[in-house]
Amino acid sequence: MNAIKTLTTLCSAVALSLATSTAALASSGATNKVFVSGPLILLFLGFCALVVVIQCIPAIIMLYGMIKGTASAVKDEMAEVKK
């Protein structure tokens, strides 16, 4: 029983590997160009990254405030319990 289950698992793994590797085998490899974009594309991508980073700053500040508020509430609650 265990041998049948192992054989089934092995066959499934091999079939899955062969099925997913067909896209890699379809590549001709004739083009070795890695990066063909001009400087305007780089500026656009840099601007997009800058927008994402700038939008993260208020989120980080709000997260800090929420953590600080929760910590102070817990501290106040612990002080009341000790009284």
C-alpha atoms as a PDB file:
ATOM      1  CA  MET A   1       0.000   0.000   0.000  1.00  0.00           C
ATOM      2  CA  ASN A   2       2.782   2.400   0.949  1.00  0.00           C
ATOM      3  CA  ALA A   3       4.740   1.563  -2.230  1.00  0.00           C
ATOM      4  CA  ILE A   4       1.717   2.347  -4.409  1.00  0.00           C
ATOM      5  CA  LYS A   5       1.214   5.682  -2.678  1.00  0.00           C
ATOM      6  CA  THR A   6       4.908   6.540  -3.093  1.00  0.00           C
ATOM      7  CA  LEU A   7       4.833   5.587  -6.781  1.00  0.00           C
ATOM      8  CA  THR A   8       1.694   7.662  -7.339  1.00  0.00           C
ATOM      9  CA  THR A   9       3.282  10.655  -5.630  1.00  0.00           C
ATOM     10  CA  LEU A  10       6.458  10.285  -7.678  1.00  0.00           C
ATOM     11  CA  CYS A  11       4.534  10.029 -10.950  1.00  0.00           C
ATOM     12  CA  SER A  12       2.461  13.084 -10.036  1.00  0.00           C
ATOM     13  CA  ALA A  13       5.586  15.094  -9.239  1.00  0.00           C
ATOM     14  CA  VAL A  14       7.249  14.120 -12.523  1.00  0.00           C
ATOM     15  CA  ALA A  15       4.106  14.925 -14.523  1.00  0.00           C
ATOM     16  CA  LEU A  16       3.747  18.272 -12.808  1.00  0.00           C
ATOM     17  CA  SER A  17       7.399  19.113 -13.468  1.00  0.00           C
ATOM     18  CA  LEU A  18       7.103  18.242 -17.143  1.00  0.00           C
ATOM     19  CA  ALA A  19       3.854  20.166 -17.537  1.00  0.00           C
ATOM     20  CA  THR A  20       5.240  23.364 -16.034  1.00  0.00           C
ATOM     21  CA  SER A  21       8.572  23.292 -17.856  1.00  0.00           C
ATOM     22  CA  THR A  22       7.071  23.555 -21.357  1.00  0.00           C
ATOM     23  CA  ALA A  23       7.123  27.365 -21.301  1.00  0.00           C
ATOM     24  CA  ALA A  24      10.830  27.375 -20.494  1.00  0.00           C
ATOM     25  CA  LEU A  25      11.535  24.954 -23.312  1.00  0.00           C
ATOM     26  CA  ALA A  26       9.594  27.117 -25.770  1.00  0.00           C
ATOM     27  CA  SER A  27      12.081  29.981 -25.439  1.00  0.00           C
ATOM     28  CA  SER A  28      14.430  30.194 -28.381  1.00  0.00           C
ATOM     29  CA  GLY A  29      17.234  31.936 -26.528  1.00  0.00           C
ATOM     30  CA  ALA A  30      18.162  33.873 -29.687  1.00  0.00           C
ATOM     31  CA  THR A  31      17.654  37.263 -28.059  1.00  0.00           C
ATOM     32  CA  ASN A  32      20.107  38.126 -25.334  1.00  0.00           C
ATOM     33  CA  LYS A  33      18.753  41.631 -24.754  1.00  0.00           C
ATOM     34  CA  VAL A  34      18.073  42.075 -21.083  1.00  0.00           C
ATOM     35  CA  PHE A  35      17.221  45.776 -20.821  1.00  0.00           C
ATOM     36  CA  VAL A  36      16.179  47.800 -23.861  1.00  0.00           C
ATOM     37  CA  SER A  37      14.288  50.667 -22.217  1.00  0.00           C
ATOM     38  CA  GLY A  38      15.237  54.293 -22.596  1.00  0.00           C
ATOM     39  CA  PRO A  39      15.857  56.834 -19.869  1.00  0.00           C
ATOM     40  CA  LEU A  40      12.238  58.060 -19.926  1.00  0.00           C
ATOM     41  CA  ILE A  41      11.031  54.629 -18.834  1.00  0.00           C
ATOM     42  CA  LEU A  42      13.530  54.685 -15.972  1.00  0.00           C
ATOM     43  CA  LEU A  43      12.341  58.142 -14.924  1.00  0.00           C
ATOM     44  CA  PHE A  44       8.721  56.984 -15.010  1.00  0.00           C
ATOM     45  CA  LEU A  45       9.461  53.901 -12.913  1.00  0.00           C
ATOM     46  CA  GLY A  46      11.477  56.008 -10.483  1.00  0.00           C
ATOM     47  CA  PHE A  47       8.577  58.438 -10.156  1.00  0.00           C
ATOM     48  CA  CYS A  48       6.178  55.546  -9.486  1.00  0.00           C
ATOM     49  CA  ALA A  49       8.500  54.203  -6.795  1.00  0.00           C
ATOM     50  CA  LEU A  50       8.731  57.679  -5.252  1.00  0.00           C
ATOM     51  CA  VAL A  51       4.937  57.964  -5.115  1.00  0.00           C
ATOM     52  CA  VAL A  52       4.680  54.590  -3.354  1.00  0.00           C
ATOM     53  CA  VAL A  53       7.360  55.504  -0.803  1.00  0.00           C
ATOM     54  CA  ILE A  54       5.803  58.900  -0.077  1.00  0.00           C
ATOM     55  CA  GLN A  55       2.402  57.252   0.472  1.00  0.00           C
ATOM     56  CA  CYS A  56       3.969  54.837   2.959  1.00  0.00           C
ATOM     57  CA  ILE A  57       5.166  57.648   5.250  1.00  0.00           C
ATOM     58  CA  PRO A  58       1.686  58.632   6.582  1.00  0.00           C
ATOM     59  CA  ALA A  59       0.799  54.957   6.967  1.00  0.00           C
ATOM     60  CA  ILE A  60       3.895  54.369   9.098  1.00  0.00           C
ATOM     61  CA  ILE A  61       3.134  57.436  11.213  1.00  0.00           C
ATOM     62  CA  MET A  62      -0.461  56.244  11.735  1.00  0.00           C
ATOM     63  CA  LEU A  63       0.729  52.748  12.661  1.00  0.00           C
ATOM     64  CA  TYR A  64       3.139  54.250  15.212  1.00  0.00           C
ATOM     65  CA  GLY A  65       0.293  56.302  16.714  1.00  0.00           C
ATOM     66  CA  MET A  66      -1.988  53.286  16.961  1.00  0.00           C
ATOM     67  CA  ILE A  67       0.700  51.202  18.663  1.00  0.00           C
ATOM     68  CA  LYS A  68       1.524  54.056  21.034  1.00  0.00           C
ATOM     69  CA  GLY A  69      -2.167  54.540  21.888  1.00  0.00           C
ATOM     70  CA  THR A  70      -2.662  50.842  22.527  1.00  0.00           C
ATOM     71  CA  ALA A  71       0.437  50.667  24.702  1.00  0.00           C
ATOM     72  CA  SER A  72      -0.650  53.676  26.779  1.00  0.00           C
ATOM     73  CA  ALA A  73      -4.153  52.220  27.194  1.00  0.00           C
ATOM     74  CA  VAL A  74      -2.696  48.954  28.437  1.00  0.00           C
ATOM     75  CA  LYS A  75      -0.351  50.843  30.750  1.00  0.00           C
ATOM     76  CA  ASP A  76      -3.251  52.858  32.192  1.00  0.00           C
ATOM     77  CA  GLU A  77      -5.309  49.699  32.639  1.00  0.00           C
ATOM     78  CA  MET A  78      -2.441  47.991  34.466  1.00  0.00           C
ATOM     79  CA  ALA A  79      -2.088  51.044  36.743  1.00  0.00           C
ATOM     80  CA  GLU A  80      -5.790  50.890  37.620  1.00  0.00           C
ATOM     81  CA  VAL A  81      -5.579  47.185  38.395  1.00  0.00           C
ATOM     82  CA  LYS A  82      -2.654  47.753  40.803  1.00  0.00           C
ATOM     83  CA  LYS A  83      -4.650  50.343  42.787  1.00  0.00           C
END
